[in-house]
């Protein structure tokens, strides 16, 4: 796999347009070879086990569907988030 220089910004990640091109090409490859992918995964399953087959599928899918970033929410002074719910008896 090609290494990208840090000059692209974001720690060596290629520009967004290049990432989109890679995703598009991967989607086309998967579309054209979907009938073969089942056979390939079955071969991996038989030779290396279910864990290897799942890892292969997961690694391939990460290029097409990137992982979502995790976000943590904290309250005041990095403490827990506090929720306050109040009921109103006033009918308007």
N, C-alpha and C. Protein backbone atom coordinates (compact mmCIF):
# COMPACT_ATOMS: atom_id res chain seq x y z
N UNK A 1 0.85 -1.17 0.00
CA UNK A 1 0.00 0.00 0.00
C UNK A 1 0.90 1.24 0.00
N UNK A 2 0.50 2.25 -0.73
CA UNK A 2 1.31 3.46 -0.87
C UNK A 2 1.31 4.26 0.43
N UNK A 3 2.47 4.81 0.74
CA UNK A 3 2.59 5.69 1.90
C UNK A 3 2.42 7.12 1.41
N UNK A 4 1.69 7.93 2.16
CA UNK A 4 1.49 9.31 1.80
C UNK A 4 2.34 10.20 2.69
N UNK A 5 2.87 11.24 2.10
CA UNK A 5 3.72 12.15 2.85
C UNK A 5 2.88 13.01 3.78
N UNK A 6 3.49 13.44 4.87
CA UNK A 6 2.79 14.27 5.84
C UNK A 6 2.41 15.62 5.26
N UNK A 7 2.95 15.96 4.09
CA UNK A 7 2.62 17.23 3.45
C UNK A 7 1.14 17.31 3.08
N UNK A 8 0.47 16.17 2.98
CA UNK A 8 -0.96 16.17 2.69
C UNK A 8 -1.75 16.70 3.87
N UNK A 9 -1.12 16.77 5.02
CA UNK A 9 -1.84 17.19 6.22
C UNK A 9 -2.47 15.99 6.90
N UNK A 10 -3.00 16.19 8.08
CA UNK A 10 -3.67 15.15 8.85
C UNK A 10 -2.81 13.91 9.01
N UNK A 11 -1.54 14.10 9.30
CA UNK A 11 -0.66 12.98 9.62
C UNK A 11 -0.42 11.99 8.49
N UNK A 12 -0.34 12.46 7.27
CA UNK A 12 -0.02 11.58 6.16
C UNK A 12 -1.24 11.00 5.47
N UNK A 13 -2.42 11.42 5.82
CA UNK A 13 -3.63 10.95 5.16
C UNK A 13 -3.74 11.63 3.79
N UNK A 14 -4.14 10.88 2.77
CA UNK A 14 -4.29 11.50 1.45
C UNK A 14 -5.45 12.49 1.44
N UNK A 15 -5.47 13.38 0.46
CA UNK A 15 -6.57 14.34 0.38
C UNK A 15 -7.92 13.64 0.23
N UNK A 16 -8.97 14.35 0.59
CA UNK A 16 -10.31 13.78 0.59
C UNK A 16 -10.71 13.25 -0.78
N UNK A 17 -10.31 13.94 -1.84
CA UNK A 17 -10.67 13.49 -3.19
C UNK A 17 -10.02 12.14 -3.51
N UNK A 18 -8.79 11.92 -3.04
CA UNK A 18 -8.13 10.64 -3.27
C UNK A 18 -8.81 9.53 -2.47
N UNK A 19 -9.21 9.82 -1.24
CA UNK A 19 -9.92 8.82 -0.43
C UNK A 19 -11.24 8.45 -1.09
N UNK A 20 -11.94 9.44 -1.63
CA UNK A 20 -13.21 9.16 -2.29
C UNK A 20 -12.99 8.31 -3.53
N UNK A 21 -11.91 8.55 -4.26
CA UNK A 21 -11.60 7.74 -5.44
C UNK A 21 -11.31 6.29 -5.04
N UNK A 22 -10.59 6.11 -3.94
CA UNK A 22 -10.29 4.76 -3.46
C UNK A 22 -11.58 4.05 -3.07
N UNK A 23 -12.46 4.75 -2.36
CA UNK A 23 -13.74 4.14 -1.96
C UNK A 23 -14.59 3.78 -3.18
N UNK A 24 -14.60 4.66 -4.18
CA UNK A 24 -15.36 4.39 -5.40
C UNK A 24 -14.81 3.17 -6.12
N UNK A 25 -13.48 3.11 -6.25
CA UNK A 25 -12.86 1.96 -6.91
C UNK A 25 -13.13 0.67 -6.15
N UNK A 26 -13.07 0.74 -4.83
CA UNK A 26 -13.33 -0.45 -4.02
C UNK A 26 -14.78 -0.90 -4.17
N UNK A 27 -15.71 0.05 -4.21
CA UNK A 27 -17.11 -0.29 -4.39
C UNK A 27 -17.34 -0.95 -5.74
N UNK A 28 -16.68 -0.45 -6.77
CA UNK A 28 -16.80 -1.06 -8.10
C UNK A 28 -16.21 -2.47 -8.10
N UNK A 29 -15.06 -2.63 -7.45
CA UNK A 29 -14.42 -3.95 -7.38
C UNK A 29 -15.33 -4.95 -6.66
N UNK A 30 -15.89 -4.52 -5.54
CA UNK A 30 -16.78 -5.40 -4.79
C UNK A 30 -18.01 -5.74 -5.62
N UNK A 31 -18.55 -4.74 -6.31
CA UNK A 31 -19.72 -4.98 -7.15
C UNK A 31 -19.45 -5.98 -8.26
N UNK A 32 -18.30 -5.86 -8.90
CA UNK A 32 -17.95 -6.76 -10.00
C UNK A 32 -17.59 -8.16 -9.53
N UNK A 33 -17.10 -8.27 -8.30
CA UNK A 33 -16.62 -9.55 -7.80
C UNK A 33 -17.43 -10.09 -6.62
N UNK A 34 -18.64 -9.60 -6.44
CA UNK A 34 -19.43 -10.04 -5.29
C UNK A 34 -19.71 -11.53 -5.33
N UNK A 35 -19.88 -12.09 -6.52
CA UNK A 35 -20.12 -13.53 -6.62
C UNK A 35 -18.88 -14.33 -6.24
N UNK A 36 -17.70 -13.75 -6.41
CA UNK A 36 -16.45 -14.43 -6.06
C UNK A 36 -16.10 -14.26 -4.58
N UNK A 37 -16.52 -13.14 -3.99
CA UNK A 37 -16.13 -12.85 -2.62
C UNK A 37 -16.63 -13.91 -1.65
N UNK A 38 -17.81 -14.44 -1.90
CA UNK A 38 -18.33 -15.51 -1.05
C UNK A 38 -17.41 -16.72 -1.10
N UNK A 39 -16.93 -17.05 -2.28
CA UNK A 39 -16.01 -18.18 -2.43
C UNK A 39 -14.67 -17.90 -1.75
N UNK A 40 -14.17 -16.66 -1.90
CA UNK A 40 -12.89 -16.30 -1.29
C UNK A 40 -12.98 -16.37 0.23
N UNK A 41 -14.05 -15.83 0.78
CA UNK A 41 -14.22 -15.87 2.23
C UNK A 41 -14.39 -17.31 2.73
N UNK A 42 -15.06 -18.13 1.95
CA UNK A 42 -15.22 -19.54 2.31
C UNK A 42 -13.87 -20.26 2.33
N UNK A 43 -13.01 -19.93 1.35
CA UNK A 43 -11.65 -20.52 1.32
C UNK A 43 -10.85 -20.10 2.54
N UNK A 44 -10.94 -18.83 2.90
CA UNK A 44 -10.23 -18.33 4.08
C UNK A 44 -10.77 -19.01 5.32
N UNK A 45 -12.09 -19.16 5.39
CA UNK A 45 -12.73 -19.83 6.52
C UNK A 45 -12.22 -21.26 6.67
N UNK A 46 -12.15 -21.97 5.56
CA UNK A 46 -11.73 -23.37 5.61
C UNK A 46 -10.24 -23.52 5.93
N UNK A 47 -9.41 -22.62 5.43
CA UNK A 47 -7.97 -22.77 5.65
C UNK A 47 -7.49 -22.14 6.96
N UNK A 48 -8.08 -20.99 7.35
CA UNK A 48 -7.58 -20.27 8.52
C UNK A 48 -8.60 -20.12 9.64
N UNK A 49 -9.84 -20.50 9.41
CA UNK A 49 -10.85 -20.44 10.45
C UNK A 49 -11.77 -19.24 10.33
N UNK A 50 -12.82 -19.22 11.13
CA UNK A 50 -13.82 -18.16 11.05
C UNK A 50 -13.29 -16.79 11.48
N UNK A 51 -12.35 -16.79 12.42
CA UNK A 51 -11.80 -15.52 12.89
C UNK A 51 -11.06 -14.80 11.77
N UNK A 52 -10.29 -15.55 10.99
CA UNK A 52 -9.54 -14.96 9.87
C UNK A 52 -10.49 -14.47 8.78
N UNK A 53 -11.54 -15.23 8.51
CA UNK A 53 -12.50 -14.82 7.49
C UNK A 53 -13.20 -13.53 7.90
N UNK A 54 -13.60 -13.44 9.17
CA UNK A 54 -14.26 -12.23 9.65
C UNK A 54 -13.30 -11.04 9.65
N UNK A 55 -12.05 -11.27 10.02
CA UNK A 55 -11.05 -10.19 10.01
C UNK A 55 -10.83 -9.69 8.59
N UNK A 56 -10.80 -10.59 7.63
CA UNK A 56 -10.63 -10.19 6.24
C UNK A 56 -11.79 -9.32 5.78
N UNK A 57 -13.00 -9.75 6.08
CA UNK A 57 -14.18 -8.98 5.69
C UNK A 57 -14.20 -7.63 6.39
N UNK A 58 -13.87 -7.60 7.66
CA UNK A 58 -13.85 -6.35 8.42
C UNK A 58 -12.80 -5.38 7.87
N UNK A 59 -11.61 -5.91 7.57
CA UNK A 59 -10.56 -5.05 7.03
C UNK A 59 -10.96 -4.47 5.68
N UNK A 60 -11.61 -5.25 4.86
CA UNK A 60 -12.06 -4.76 3.56
C UNK A 60 -13.14 -3.69 3.73
N UNK A 61 -14.07 -3.92 4.62
CA UNK A 61 -15.17 -2.99 4.80
C UNK A 61 -14.73 -1.66 5.41
N UNK A 62 -13.64 -1.65 6.16
CA UNK A 62 -13.17 -0.39 6.76
C UNK A 62 -12.76 0.62 5.70
N UNK A 63 -12.36 0.16 4.52
CA UNK A 63 -12.03 1.09 3.45
C UNK A 63 -13.29 1.70 2.85
N UNK A 64 -14.35 0.92 2.83
CA UNK A 64 -15.59 1.36 2.21
C UNK A 64 -16.48 2.13 3.18
N UNK A 65 -16.58 1.64 4.39
CA UNK A 65 -17.38 2.28 5.43
C UNK A 65 -16.45 2.60 6.59
N UNK A 66 -15.92 3.82 6.66
CA UNK A 66 -14.95 4.14 7.71
C UNK A 66 -15.57 4.08 9.11
N UNK A 67 -14.71 3.83 10.08
CA UNK A 67 -15.16 3.78 11.47
C UNK A 67 -15.63 5.16 11.91
N UNK A 68 -16.61 5.17 12.77
CA UNK A 68 -17.08 6.43 13.32
C UNK A 68 -16.20 6.83 14.49
N UNK A 69 -15.95 8.11 14.61
CA UNK A 69 -15.13 8.60 15.72
C UNK A 69 -15.94 8.56 17.01
N UNK A 70 -15.28 8.19 18.07
CA UNK A 70 -15.94 8.14 19.37
C UNK A 70 -15.85 9.52 20.02
N UNK A 71 -16.92 9.95 20.63
CA UNK A 71 -16.93 11.23 21.32
C UNK A 71 -17.40 11.02 22.75
N UNK A 72 -16.68 11.62 23.67
CA UNK A 72 -17.06 11.54 25.07
C UNK A 72 -17.58 12.90 25.52
N UNK A 73 -18.65 12.86 26.27
CA UNK A 73 -19.23 14.10 26.79
C UNK A 73 -18.99 14.15 28.29
N UNK A 74 -18.55 15.32 28.75
CA UNK A 74 -18.34 15.49 30.19
C UNK A 74 -19.04 16.76 30.65
N UNK A 75 -19.31 16.79 31.92
CA UNK A 75 -19.95 17.96 32.52
C UNK A 75 -18.91 18.98 32.94
N UNK A 76 -19.30 19.80 33.89
CA UNK A 76 -18.42 20.86 34.39
C UNK A 76 -17.17 20.26 35.03
N UNK A 77 -16.04 20.85 34.79
CA UNK A 77 -14.75 20.42 35.35
C UNK A 77 -14.45 18.95 35.05
N UNK A 78 -14.78 18.52 33.85
CA UNK A 78 -14.52 17.15 33.40
C UNK A 78 -15.27 16.10 34.23
N UNK A 79 -16.30 16.53 34.93
CA UNK A 79 -17.11 15.61 35.73
C UNK A 79 -18.21 14.97 34.91
N UNK A 80 -19.10 14.25 35.57
CA UNK A 80 -20.19 13.59 34.85
C UNK A 80 -21.21 14.60 34.33
N UNK A 81 -21.92 14.22 33.29
CA UNK A 81 -22.99 15.06 32.75
C UNK A 81 -24.19 14.91 33.68
N UNK A 82 -24.75 16.03 34.08
CA UNK A 82 -25.91 16.01 34.98
C UNK A 82 -27.13 16.49 34.22
N UNK A 83 -28.20 15.72 34.30
CA UNK A 83 -29.46 16.07 33.66
C UNK A 83 -30.47 16.47 34.72
N UNK A 84 -31.24 17.49 34.41
CA UNK A 84 -32.28 17.94 35.33
C UNK A 84 -33.58 17.98 34.56
N UNK A 85 -34.57 17.24 35.03
CA UNK A 85 -35.88 17.18 34.37
C UNK A 85 -36.91 17.71 35.35
N UNK A 86 -37.73 18.66 34.90
CA UNK A 86 -38.75 19.24 35.76
C UNK A 86 -40.08 19.15 35.05
N UNK A 87 -41.12 18.85 35.82
CA UNK A 87 -42.49 18.78 35.28
C UNK A 87 -43.18 20.08 35.65
N UNK A 88 -43.91 20.57 34.71
CA UNK A 88 -44.68 21.77 34.96
C UNK A 88 -46.15 21.41 35.12
N UNK A 89 -46.78 21.94 36.15
CA UNK A 89 -48.21 21.67 36.36
C UNK A 89 -49.08 22.74 35.74
N UNK A 90 -48.45 23.74 35.17
CA UNK A 90 -49.20 24.82 34.52
C UNK A 90 -49.67 24.35 33.15
N UNK A 91 -50.97 24.37 32.94
CA UNK A 91 -51.53 23.99 31.65
C UNK A 91 -51.82 25.25 30.87
N UNK A 92 -51.24 25.39 29.74
CA UNK A 92 -51.43 26.60 28.93
C UNK A 92 -52.01 26.26 27.61
